[in-house]
Amino acid sequence: MADLRMPGFEYCGVNCNEVTLNVAIAGHGPPLLLLHGFPETHLAWREVAPRLARQHRVVCPDLRGYGDSDKPRGDSRHDQYSKRTMARDVISLMTKLGASRFSVVGHDRGGLVAFRAALDQPRAVERLAVLDVIPAADMWPSLAGVAGVFAFHLYFLAQQADFPERLIAASPDTFFGQFLDAWTKVEGAIPAPVRRRYLDACGTAQAIHAVCEDYRASAFVDPAEDEEDRRAGRRLNMPVLAMWQDPGEQTLPFDPRKIWSSWASNLQTKVLPCGHFLPEEQPAEVAEALESFLGT
């Protein structure tokens, strides 16, 4: 497996919520947590994190089940990979690093974890930024008709174990590589060594199972917890920044601004001309938007 590290970052393993997370840390100043998405590792922030580390203490973990972090076996209820469990991981991580209050930025799956952390621990999360994702409770109703074709993986990965695991294991590079290629619009955004690292990290039996459990939780656990919060009137009262890709000639099957406005009292938005992998396709623009949002 390729050994790629972000220059200037110190690496360590931190035990959090009964798992050990692989973490990269650099910089000084207000604490800032960066959470990656599928099918990536913390390296998704390799172009953004060093710039933010000029003014912040930046913490970039591999999420539970991804990269070099622990990959516990899923349970029958899929709670091991619920976003509430994964949020507890990162809250514990920041607490152990001495940050009782911090800002968090999450892309894709990391955005769901960041969203859950902000809902569950609003006193800990000072500011929240979510990139190219909407809450699970809003995502599923939006996938009516042909929209489901473009999000087929949401349905496939959530199938009962070990059906998707066995199929993916037959050619993990083909499966995971398809998303890295099809979801990217900016050529060269994911260089070959980084792409190889992502594929290696996802390609083991443990990692494949963890990814499937992550998506099973997003089907059978996370939406119910989101809806429970919605019924209770829980909202995000901290400043929230939502960024997403410009779909171009296509039309999104949902309105990200409307959805995030229903959750956030203080919302800012930004649309970028790229594909799904915003931090890698438009790193300068993402960093600039985050610097402005974070007040640096």
C-alpha atoms as a PDB file:
ATOM      1  CA  MET A   1       0.000   0.000   0.000  1.00  0.00           C
ATOM      2  CA  ALA A   2       1.423   3.371  -0.979  1.00  0.00           C
ATOM      3  CA  ASP A   3       2.688   5.470   1.923  1.00  0.00           C
ATOM      4  CA  LEU A   4       1.523   9.010   1.161  1.00  0.00           C
ATOM      5  CA  ARG A   5       1.595  11.669   3.856  1.00  0.00           C
ATOM      6  CA  MET A   6       0.797  15.364   3.871  1.00  0.00           C
ATOM      7  CA  PRO A   7       4.048  17.327   4.278  1.00  0.00           C
ATOM      8  CA  GLY A   8       4.297  19.224   7.551  1.00  0.00           C
ATOM      9  CA  PHE A   9       1.670  17.105   9.274  1.00  0.00           C
ATOM     10  CA  GLU A  10       2.368  14.921  12.293  1.00  0.00           C
ATOM     11  CA  TYR A  11       0.742  11.496  12.182  1.00  0.00           C
ATOM     12  CA  CYS A  12      -0.513   9.487  15.127  1.00  0.00           C
ATOM     13  CA  GLY A  13      -3.118   6.944  16.154  1.00  0.00           C
ATOM     14  CA  VAL A  14      -5.707   8.146  18.676  1.00  0.00           C
ATOM     15  CA  ASN A  15      -8.049   5.794  20.513  1.00  0.00           C
ATOM     16  CA  CYS A  16     -11.553   7.252  20.340  1.00  0.00           C
ATOM     17  CA  ASN A  17     -14.856   5.615  21.200  1.00  0.00           C
ATOM     18  CA  GLU A  18     -13.337   2.094  21.126  1.00  0.00           C
ATOM     19  CA  VAL A  19     -11.580   2.536  17.768  1.00  0.00           C
ATOM     20  CA  THR A  20      -8.163   3.897  16.852  1.00  0.00           C
ATOM     21  CA  LEU A  21      -8.235   6.630  14.247  1.00  0.00           C
ATOM     22  CA  ASN A  22      -5.310   7.476  12.003  1.00  0.00           C
ATOM     23  CA  VAL A  23      -4.882  11.247  12.327  1.00  0.00           C
ATOM     24  CA  ALA A  24      -2.773  13.947  10.646  1.00  0.00           C
ATOM     25  CA  ILE A  25      -2.286  17.180  12.615  1.00  0.00           C
ATOM     26  CA  ALA A  26      -0.574  20.494  11.834  1.00  0.00           C
ATOM     27  CA  GLY A  27      -0.728  24.201  12.593  1.00  0.00           C
ATOM     28  CA  HIS A  28      -1.628  26.426  15.507  1.00  0.00           C
ATOM     29  CA  GLY A  29      -4.694  28.447  16.306  1.00  0.00           C
ATOM     30  CA  PRO A  30      -8.420  27.700  16.547  1.00  0.00           C
ATOM     31  CA  PRO A  31      -9.036  23.945  16.161  1.00  0.00           C
ATOM     32  CA  LEU A  32     -10.449  22.792  12.831  1.00  0.00           C
ATOM     33  CA  LEU A  33     -11.560  19.249  11.980  1.00  0.00           C
ATOM     34  CA  LEU A  34     -11.600  18.101   8.325  1.00  0.00           C
ATOM     35  CA  LEU A  35     -13.559  14.942   7.439  1.00  0.00           C
ATOM     36  CA  HIS A  36     -13.208  13.156   4.085  1.00  0.00           C
ATOM     37  CA  GLY A  37     -15.745  11.267   2.003  1.00  0.00           C
ATOM     38  CA  PHE A  38     -16.161   8.023   0.023  1.00  0.00           C
ATOM     39  CA  PRO A  39     -14.071   6.339  -1.330  1.00  0.00           C
ATOM     40  CA  GLU A  40     -11.217   8.426   0.045  1.00  0.00           C
ATOM     41  CA  THR A  41      -8.976   8.988   3.057  1.00  0.00           C
ATOM     42  CA  HIS A  42      -7.767  12.128   4.845  1.00  0.00           C
ATOM     43  CA  LEU A  43      -5.574  12.742   1.763  1.00  0.00           C
ATOM     44  CA  ALA A  44      -8.638  14.305   0.145  1.00  0.00           C
ATOM     45  CA  TRP A  45      -7.596  17.457   2.053  1.00  0.00           C
ATOM     46  CA  ARG A  46      -3.944  17.386   0.925  1.00  0.00           C
ATOM     47  CA  GLU A  47      -4.225  20.662  -1.035  1.00  0.00           C
ATOM     48  CA  VAL A  48      -6.584  22.451   1.374  1.00  0.00           C
ATOM     49  CA  ALA A  49      -5.316  21.448   4.832  1.00  0.00           C
ATOM     50  CA  PRO A  50      -1.808  23.010   4.593  1.00  0.00           C
ATOM     51  CA  ARG A  51      -3.281  26.372   3.675  1.00  0.00           C
ATOM     52  CA  LEU A  52      -5.796  26.247   6.541  1.00  0.00           C
ATOM     53  CA  ALA A  53      -3.031  25.172   8.917  1.00  0.00           C
ATOM     54  CA  ARG A  54      -1.486  28.651   8.595  1.00  0.00           C
ATOM     55  CA  GLN A  55      -4.220  29.973  10.888  1.00  0.00           C
ATOM     56  CA  HIS A  56      -5.680  26.853  12.506  1.00  0.00           C
ATOM     57  CA  ARG A  57      -4.724  23.690  14.291  1.00  0.00           C
ATOM     58  CA  VAL A  58      -5.942  21.352  11.577  1.00  0.00           C
ATOM     59  CA  VAL A  59      -6.947  17.782  12.412  1.00  0.00           C
ATOM     60  CA  CYS A  60      -7.498  15.327   9.522  1.00  0.00           C
ATOM     61  CA  PRO A  61      -8.527  11.798  10.550  1.00  0.00           C
ATOM     62  CA  ASP A  62      -9.359   8.776   8.470  1.00  0.00           C
ATOM     63  CA  LEU A  63     -12.974   8.025   9.392  1.00  0.00           C
ATOM     64  CA  ARG A  64     -13.861   4.776  11.113  1.00  0.00           C
ATOM     65  CA  GLY A  65     -13.765   2.087   8.407  1.00  0.00           C
ATOM     66  CA  TYR A  66     -11.546   4.076   6.035  1.00  0.00           C
ATOM     67  CA  GLY A  67      -7.841   4.524   5.353  1.00  0.00           C
ATOM     68  CA  ASP A  68      -5.620   3.394   8.213  1.00  0.00           C
ATOM     69  CA  SER A  69      -8.280   3.742  10.911  1.00  0.00           C
ATOM     70  CA  ASP A  70      -9.871   0.742  12.593  1.00  0.00           C
ATOM     71  CA  LYS A  71     -12.562  -1.165  10.735  1.00  0.00           C
ATOM     72  CA  PRO A  72     -14.750  -2.949  13.306  1.00  0.00           C
ATOM     73  CA  ARG A  73     -17.106  -5.653  12.172  1.00  0.00           C
ATOM     74  CA  GLY A  74     -20.645  -4.407  11.685  1.00  0.00           C
ATOM     75  CA  ASP A  75     -23.465  -5.407  14.000  1.00  0.00           C
ATOM     76  CA  SER A  76     -26.981  -6.528  13.104  1.00  0.00           C
ATOM     77  CA  ARG A  77     -28.397  -3.030  13.704  1.00  0.00           C
ATOM     78  CA  HIS A  78     -25.559  -1.312  11.768  1.00  0.00           C
ATOM     79  CA  ASP A  79     -24.921   0.977  14.752  1.00  0.00           C
ATOM     80  CA  GLN A  80     -21.153   0.497  14.433  1.00  0.00           C
ATOM     81  CA  TYR A  81     -21.241   2.751  11.383  1.00  0.00           C
ATOM     82  CA  SER A  82     -24.151   5.041  12.143  1.00  0.00           C
ATOM     83  CA  LYS A  83     -23.251   8.690  11.733  1.00  0.00           C
ATOM     84  CA  ARG A  84     -24.042   9.153  15.426  1.00  0.00           C
ATOM     85  CA  THR A  85     -21.368   6.584  16.310  1.00  0.00           C
ATOM     86  CA  MET A  86     -18.891   8.099  13.863  1.00  0.00           C
ATOM     87  CA  ALA A  87     -19.652  11.564  15.249  1.00  0.00           C
ATOM     88  CA  ARG A  88     -18.833  10.290  18.712  1.00  0.00           C
ATOM     89  CA  ASP A  89     -15.499   9.116  17.315  1.00  0.00           C
ATOM     90  CA  VAL A  90     -14.523  12.586  16.143  1.00  0.00           C
ATOM     91  CA  ILE A  91     -15.924  14.401  19.181  1.00  0.00           C
ATOM     92  CA  SER A  92     -13.828  12.073  21.344  1.00  0.00           C
ATOM     93  CA  LEU A  93     -10.825  12.703  19.092  1.00  0.00           C
ATOM     94  CA  MET A  94     -11.043  16.467  19.446  1.00  0.00           C
ATOM     95  CA  THR A  95     -11.620  16.215  23.200  1.00  0.00           C
ATOM     96  CA  LYS A  96      -8.508  14.077  23.583  1.00  0.00           C
ATOM     97  CA  LEU A  97      -6.570  16.648  21.572  1.00  0.00           C
ATOM     98  CA  GLY A  98      -7.702  19.326  24.023  1.00  0.00           C
ATOM     99  CA  ALA A  99     -10.357  20.955  21.841  1.00  0.00           C
ATOM    100  CA  SER A 100     -13.672  21.213  23.667  1.00  0.00           C
ATOM    101  CA  ARG A 101     -14.988  23.565  20.966  1.00  0.00           C
ATOM    102  CA  PHE A 102     -13.989  23.522  17.287  1.00  0.00           C
ATOM    103  CA  SER A 103     -15.137  24.048  13.718  1.00  0.00           C
ATOM    104  CA  VAL A 104     -15.728  21.090  11.430  1.00  0.00           C
ATOM    105  CA  VAL A 105     -15.761  20.696   7.659  1.00  0.00           C
ATOM    106  CA  GLY A 106     -17.041  17.497   6.063  1.00  0.00           C
ATOM    107  CA  HIS A 107     -17.213  16.321   2.473  1.00  0.00           C
ATOM    108  CA  ASP A 108     -19.627  13.583   1.372  1.00  0.00           C
ATOM    109  CA  ARG A 109     -19.715  10.914   4.129  1.00  0.00           C
ATOM    110  CA  GLY A 110     -17.635  13.210   6.291  1.00  0.00           C
ATOM    111  CA  GLY A 111     -20.313  15.843   5.842  1.00  0.00           C
ATOM    112  CA  LEU A 112     -22.910  13.478   7.266  1.00  0.00           C
ATOM    113  CA  VAL A 113     -20.678  12.801  10.268  1.00  0.00           C
ATOM    114  CA  ALA A 114     -20.069  16.536  10.736  1.00  0.00           C
ATOM    115  CA  PHE A 115     -23.816  17.237  10.489  1.00  0.00           C
ATOM    116  CA  ARG A 116     -24.573  14.629  13.135  1.00  0.00           C
ATOM    117  CA  ALA A 117     -21.810  15.943  15.428  1.00  0.00           C
ATOM    118  CA  ALA A 118     -23.252  19.457  15.165  1.00  0.00           C
ATOM    119  CA  LEU A 119     -26.779  18.259  15.957  1.00  0.00           C
ATOM    120  CA  ASP A 120     -25.740  16.035  18.855  1.00  0.00           C
ATOM    121  CA  GLN A 121     -23.063  18.283  20.357  1.00  0.00           C
ATOM    122  CA  PRO A 122     -23.934  21.890  19.431  1.00  0.00           C
ATOM    123  CA  ARG A 123     -21.836  23.270  22.273  1.00  0.00           C
ATOM    124  CA  ALA A 124     -18.755  21.582  20.805  1.00  0.00           C
ATOM    125  CA  VAL A 125     -19.211  22.678  17.177  1.00  0.00           C
ATOM    126  CA  GLU A 126     -18.560  26.364  16.614  1.00  0.00           C
ATOM    127  CA  ARG A 127     -18.998  26.385  12.833  1.00  0.00           C
ATOM    128  CA  LEU A 128     -20.052  23.705  10.342  1.00  0.00           C
ATOM    129  CA  ALA A 129     -19.276  23.389   6.626  1.00  0.00           C
ATOM    130  CA  VAL A 130     -20.738  20.600   4.497  1.00  0.00           C
ATOM    131  CA  LEU A 131     -19.535  19.853   0.966  1.00  0.00           C
ATOM    132  CA  ASP A 132     -21.661  18.176  -1.724  1.00  0.00           C
ATOM    133  CA  VAL A 133     -23.971  16.273   0.582  1.00  0.00           C
ATOM    134  CA  ILE A 134     -27.435  16.526   2.119  1.00  0.00           C
ATOM    135  CA  PRO A 135     -28.763  14.743   5.232  1.00  0.00           C
ATOM    136  CA  ALA A 136     -29.789  11.118   4.842  1.00  0.00           C
ATOM    137  CA  ALA A 137     -33.421  11.878   5.695  1.00  0.00           C
ATOM    138  CA  ASP A 138     -33.589  14.310   2.762  1.00  0.00           C
ATOM    139  CA  MET A 139     -31.509  12.242   0.361  1.00  0.00           C
ATOM    140  CA  TRP A 140     -33.686   9.161   0.048  1.00  0.00           C
ATOM    141  CA  PRO A 141     -36.955  10.944  -0.868  1.00  0.00           C
ATOM    142  CA  SER A 142     -35.095  12.910  -3.560  1.00  0.00           C
ATOM    143  CA  LEU A 143     -34.042   9.786  -5.490  1.00  0.00           C
ATOM    144  CA  ALA A 144     -37.290   9.154  -7.323  1.00  0.00           C
ATOM    145  CA  GLY A 145     -37.332   7.951 -10.914  1.00  0.00           C
ATOM    146  CA  VAL A 146     -34.131   7.968 -12.950  1.00  0.00           C
ATOM    147  CA  ALA A 147     -32.296   9.897 -10.224  1.00  0.00           C
ATOM    148  CA  GLY A 148     -31.803   6.526  -8.553  1.00  0.00           C
ATOM    149  CA  VAL A 149     -29.696   5.344 -11.489  1.00  0.00           C
ATOM    150  CA  PHE A 150     -26.984   7.894 -10.728  1.00  0.00           C
ATOM    151  CA  ALA A 151     -26.999   6.944  -7.050  1.00  0.00           C
ATOM    152  CA  PHE A 152     -27.179   3.182  -7.555  1.00  0.00           C
ATOM    153  CA  HIS A 153     -24.397   2.613  -5.023  1.00  0.00           C
ATOM    154  CA  LEU A 154     -26.644   3.865  -2.210  1.00  0.00           C
ATOM    155  CA  TYR A 155     -28.982   0.953  -2.839  1.00  0.00           C
ATOM    156  CA  PHE A 156     -26.342  -1.624  -3.724  1.00  0.00           C
ATOM    157  CA  LEU A 157     -24.006  -1.064  -0.771  1.00  0.00           C
ATOM    158  CA  ALA A 158     -26.933  -1.164   1.657  1.00  0.00           C
ATOM    159  CA  GLN A 159     -27.916  -4.705   0.647  1.00  0.00           C
ATOM    160  CA  GLN A 160     -27.699  -7.419   3.260  1.00  0.00           C
ATOM    161  CA  ALA A 161     -24.243  -8.824   4.074  1.00  0.00           C
ATOM    162  CA  ASP A 162     -22.374 -10.343   2.505  1.00  0.00           C
ATOM    163  CA  PHE A 163     -23.938  -9.965  -0.935  1.00  0.00           C
ATOM    164  CA  PRO A 164     -22.334  -6.639  -1.982  1.00  0.00           C
ATOM    165  CA  GLU A 165     -19.082  -7.530  -0.196  1.00  0.00           C
ATOM    166  CA  ARG A 166     -18.621 -10.668  -2.312  1.00  0.00           C
ATOM    167  CA  LEU A 167     -19.387  -8.901  -5.579  1.00  0.00           C
ATOM    168  CA  ILE A 168     -17.067  -5.964  -4.859  1.00  0.00           C
ATOM    169  CA  ALA A 169     -14.276  -8.300  -3.760  1.00  0.00           C
ATOM    170  CA  ALA A 170     -14.213  -9.792  -7.261  1.00  0.00           C
ATOM    171  CA  SER A 171     -12.776  -6.512  -8.610  1.00  0.00           C
ATOM    172  CA  PRO A 172     -12.507  -3.750  -5.994  1.00  0.00           C
ATOM    173  CA  ASP A 173     -10.378  -1.508  -8.237  1.00  0.00           C
ATOM    174  CA  THR A 174     -13.102  -1.558 -10.886  1.00  0.00           C
ATOM    175  CA  PHE A 175     -15.851  -0.804  -8.396  1.00  0.00           C
ATOM    176  CA  PHE A 176     -14.228   1.975  -6.381  1.00  0.00           C
ATOM    177  CA  GLY A 177     -12.304   3.367  -9.355  1.00  0.00           C
ATOM    178  CA  GLN A 178     -15.551   3.945 -11.215  1.00  0.00           C
ATOM    179  CA  PHE A 179     -16.599   6.569  -8.643  1.00  0.00           C
ATOM    180  CA  LEU A 180     -13.222   8.299  -8.605  1.00  0.00           C
ATOM    181  CA  ASP A 181     -13.395   8.618 -12.387  1.00  0.00           C
ATOM    182  CA  ALA A 182     -17.089   9.254 -13.043  1.00  0.00           C
ATOM    183  CA  TRP A 183     -17.554  11.816 -10.277  1.00  0.00           C
ATOM    184  CA  THR A 184     -14.535  13.948 -11.270  1.00  0.00           C
ATOM    185  CA  LYS A 185     -14.833  16.734 -13.854  1.00  0.00           C
ATOM    186  CA  VAL A 186     -11.421  18.395 -13.421  1.00  0.00           C
ATOM    187  CA  GLU A 187      -8.712  16.394 -15.172  1.00  0.00           C
ATOM    188  CA  GLY A 188      -5.766  15.452 -12.974  1.00  0.00           C
ATOM    189  CA  ALA A 189      -7.555  16.369  -9.748  1.00  0.00           C
ATOM    190  CA  ILE A 190      -6.756  12.960  -8.270  1.00  0.00           C
ATOM    191  CA  PRO A 191      -3.169  12.076  -9.287  1.00  0.00           C
ATOM    192  CA  ALA A 192      -2.293   8.446  -9.975  1.00  0.00           C
ATOM    193  CA  PRO A 193      -0.432   7.847  -6.657  1.00  0.00           C
ATOM    194  CA  VAL A 194      -3.346   9.248  -4.627  1.00  0.00           C
ATOM    195  CA  ARG A 195      -5.870   7.290  -6.675  1.00  0.00           C
ATOM    196  CA  ARG A 196      -3.815   4.149  -6.038  1.00  0.00           C
ATOM    197  CA  ARG A 197      -3.785   4.896  -2.319  1.00  0.00           C
ATOM    198  CA  TYR A 198      -7.561   5.257  -2.254  1.00  0.00           C
ATOM    199  CA  LEU A 199      -8.047   1.985  -4.114  1.00  0.00           C
ATOM    200  CA  ASP A 200      -5.591   0.126  -1.890  1.00  0.00           C
ATOM    201  CA  ALA A 201      -7.266   1.484   1.228  1.00  0.00           C
ATOM    202  CA  CYS A 202     -10.737   0.391   0.057  1.00  0.00           C
ATOM    203  CA  GLY A 203      -9.742  -2.936  -1.452  1.00  0.00           C
ATOM    204  CA  THR A 204      -9.285  -5.174   1.595  1.00  0.00           C
ATOM    205  CA  ALA A 205     -12.069  -7.427   2.868  1.00  0.00           C
ATOM    206  CA  GLN A 206     -12.293  -5.425   6.094  1.00  0.00           C
ATOM    207  CA  ALA A 207     -12.526  -2.127   4.240  1.00  0.00           C
ATOM    208  CA  ILE A 208     -15.157  -3.384   1.794  1.00  0.00           C
ATOM    209  CA  HIS A 209     -17.286  -4.600   4.684  1.00  0.00           C
ATOM    210  CA  ALA A 210     -16.838  -1.286   6.518  1.00  0.00           C
ATOM    211  CA  VAL A 211     -17.930   0.732   3.479  1.00  0.00           C
ATOM    212  CA  CYS A 212     -21.015  -1.457   3.085  1.00  0.00           C
ATOM    213  CA  GLU A 213     -21.854  -1.015   6.771  1.00  0.00           C
ATOM    214  CA  ASP A 214     -21.438   2.749   6.421  1.00  0.00           C
ATOM    215  CA  TYR A 215     -24.046   2.742   3.668  1.00  0.00           C
ATOM    216  CA  ARG A 216     -26.324   0.261   5.457  1.00  0.00           C
ATOM    217  CA  ALA A 217     -26.351   2.661   8.382  1.00  0.00           C
ATOM    218  CA  SER A 218     -27.233   5.490   5.996  1.00  0.00           C
ATOM    219  CA  ALA A 219     -30.234   3.482   4.835  1.00  0.00           C
ATOM    220  CA  PHE A 220     -31.493   1.884   8.034  1.00  0.00           C
ATOM    221  CA  VAL A 221     -30.248   4.043  10.943  1.00  0.00           C
ATOM    222  CA  ASP A 222     -29.303   7.592   9.970  1.00  0.00           C
ATOM    223  CA  PRO A 223     -32.566   8.706   8.276  1.00  0.00           C
ATOM    224  CA  ALA A 224     -34.639   7.707  11.308  1.00  0.00           C
ATOM    225  CA  GLU A 225     -32.327   9.637  13.628  1.00  0.00           C
ATOM    226  CA  ASP A 226     -32.489  12.671  11.334  1.00  0.00           C
ATOM    227  CA  GLU A 227     -36.283  12.533  11.241  1.00  0.00           C
ATOM    228  CA  GLU A 228     -36.462  12.213  15.019  1.00  0.00           C
ATOM    229  CA  ASP A 229     -34.449  15.432  15.300  1.00  0.00           C
ATOM    230  CA  ARG A 230     -36.633  17.137  12.724  1.00  0.00           C
ATOM    231  CA  ARG A 231     -39.802  16.215  14.625  1.00  0.00           C
ATOM    232  CA  ALA A 232     -38.229  17.504  17.818  1.00  0.00           C
ATOM    233  CA  GLY A 233     -37.454  20.812  16.112  1.00  0.00           C
ATOM    234  CA  ARG A 234     -33.690  20.495  16.490  1.00  0.00           C
ATOM    235  CA  ARG A 235     -31.784  22.855  14.209  1.00  0.00           C
ATOM    236  CA  LEU A 236     -28.250  23.964  13.511  1.00  0.00           C
ATOM    237  CA  ASN A 237     -27.912  27.329  15.232  1.00  0.00           C
ATOM    238  CA  MET A 238     -24.192  27.773  14.588  1.00  0.00           C
ATOM    239  CA  PRO A 239     -23.043  29.348  11.283  1.00  0.00           C
ATOM    240  CA  VAL A 240     -23.286  26.788   8.464  1.00  0.00           C
ATOM    241  CA  LEU A 241     -21.652  26.856   5.035  1.00  0.00           C
ATOM    242  CA  ALA A 242     -22.986  24.486   2.357  1.00  0.00           C
ATOM    243  CA  MET A 243     -20.996  24.069  -0.842  1.00  0.00           C
ATOM    244  CA  TRP A 244     -21.850  21.857  -3.769  1.00  0.00           C
ATOM    245  CA  GLN A 245     -20.908  21.208  -7.373  1.00  0.00           C
ATOM    246  CA  ASP A 246     -22.447  22.987 -10.313  1.00  0.00           C
ATOM    247  CA  PRO A 247     -24.371  20.215 -12.119  1.00  0.00           C
ATOM    248  CA  GLY A 248     -23.951  22.005 -15.454  1.00  0.00           C
ATOM    249  CA  GLU A 249     -26.480  20.826 -18.007  1.00  0.00           C
ATOM    250  CA  GLN A 250     -27.863  18.250 -15.605  1.00  0.00           C
ATOM    251  CA  THR A 251     -30.453  19.093 -12.970  1.00  0.00           C
ATOM    252  CA  LEU A 252     -30.037  18.035  -9.387  1.00  0.00           C
ATOM    253  CA  PRO A 253     -32.990  15.990  -8.089  1.00  0.00           C
ATOM    254  CA  PHE A 254     -33.079  18.241  -5.005  1.00  0.00           C
ATOM    255  CA  ASP A 255     -32.412  21.841  -4.010  1.00  0.00           C
ATOM    256  CA  PRO A 256     -29.390  21.886  -1.642  1.00  0.00           C
ATOM    257  CA  ARG A 257     -30.065  25.464  -0.549  1.00  0.00           C
ATOM    258  CA  LYS A 258     -33.679  24.716   0.376  1.00  0.00           C
ATOM    259  CA  ILE A 259     -32.746  21.531   2.214  1.00  0.00           C
ATOM    260  CA  TRP A 260     -29.934  23.074   4.252  1.00  0.00           C
ATOM    261  CA  SER A 261     -32.092  26.128   4.981  1.00  0.00           C
ATOM    262  CA  SER A 262     -34.592  23.799   6.637  1.00  0.00           C
ATOM    263  CA  TRP A 263     -31.874  22.718   9.083  1.00  0.00           C
ATOM    264  CA  ALA A 264     -29.691  25.801   9.500  1.00  0.00           C
ATOM    265  CA  SER A 265     -30.712  29.138  10.988  1.00  0.00           C
ATOM    266  CA  ASN A 266     -27.573  30.914   9.720  1.00  0.00           C
ATOM    267  CA  LEU A 267     -26.724  29.517   6.273  1.00  0.00           C
ATOM    268  CA  GLN A 268     -24.193  30.552   3.662  1.00  0.00           C
ATOM    269  CA  THR A 269     -23.893  28.752   0.314  1.00  0.00           C
ATOM    270  CA  LYS A 270     -21.423  28.460  -2.536  1.00  0.00           C
ATOM    271  CA  VAL A 271     -21.523  26.554  -5.830  1.00  0.00           C
ATOM    272  CA  LEU A 272     -18.289  25.542  -7.555  1.00  0.00           C
ATOM    273  CA  PRO A 273     -17.695  24.561 -11.221  1.00  0.00           C
ATOM    274  CA  CYS A 274     -16.411  21.025 -10.705  1.00  0.00           C
ATOM    275  CA  GLY A 275     -17.462  17.474  -9.984  1.00  0.00           C
ATOM    276  CA  HIS A 276     -18.167  15.800  -6.663  1.00  0.00           C
ATOM    277  CA  PHE A 277     -14.655  15.986  -5.201  1.00  0.00           C
ATOM    278  CA  LEU A 278     -14.613  19.699  -4.361  1.00  0.00           C
ATOM    279  CA  PRO A 279     -11.487  19.752  -2.125  1.00  0.00           C
ATOM    280  CA  GLU A 280      -9.459  18.023  -4.846  1.00  0.00           C
ATOM    281  CA  GLU A 281     -10.953  19.595  -7.951  1.00  0.00           C
ATOM    282  CA  GLN A 282     -11.128  23.182  -6.673  1.00  0.00           C
ATOM    283  CA  PRO A 283      -8.765  23.265  -3.655  1.00  0.00           C
ATOM    284  CA  ALA A 284      -7.901  26.979  -3.880  1.00  0.00           C
ATOM    285  CA  GLU A 285     -11.555  27.984  -4.110  1.00  0.00           C
ATOM    286  CA  VAL A 286     -12.540  25.642  -1.278  1.00  0.00           C
ATOM    287  CA  ALA A 287      -9.723  26.927   0.942  1.00  0.00           C
ATOM    288  CA  GLU A 288     -10.606  30.539   0.193  1.00  0.00           C
ATOM    289  CA  ALA A 289     -14.291  29.960   0.965  1.00  0.00           C
ATOM    290  CA  LEU A 290     -13.429  28.210   4.220  1.00  0.00           C
ATOM    291  CA  GLU A 291     -10.994  30.930   5.266  1.00  0.00           C
ATOM    292  CA  SER A 292     -13.701  33.532   4.721  1.00  0.00           C
ATOM    293  CA  PHE A 293     -16.303  31.450   6.526  1.00  0.00           C
ATOM    294  CA  LEU A 294     -14.023  30.703   9.472  1.00  0.00           C
ATOM    295  CA  GLY A 295     -13.076  34.339   9.786  1.00  0.00           C
ATOM    296  CA  THR A 296      -9.350  34.091   9.080  1.00  0.00           C
END
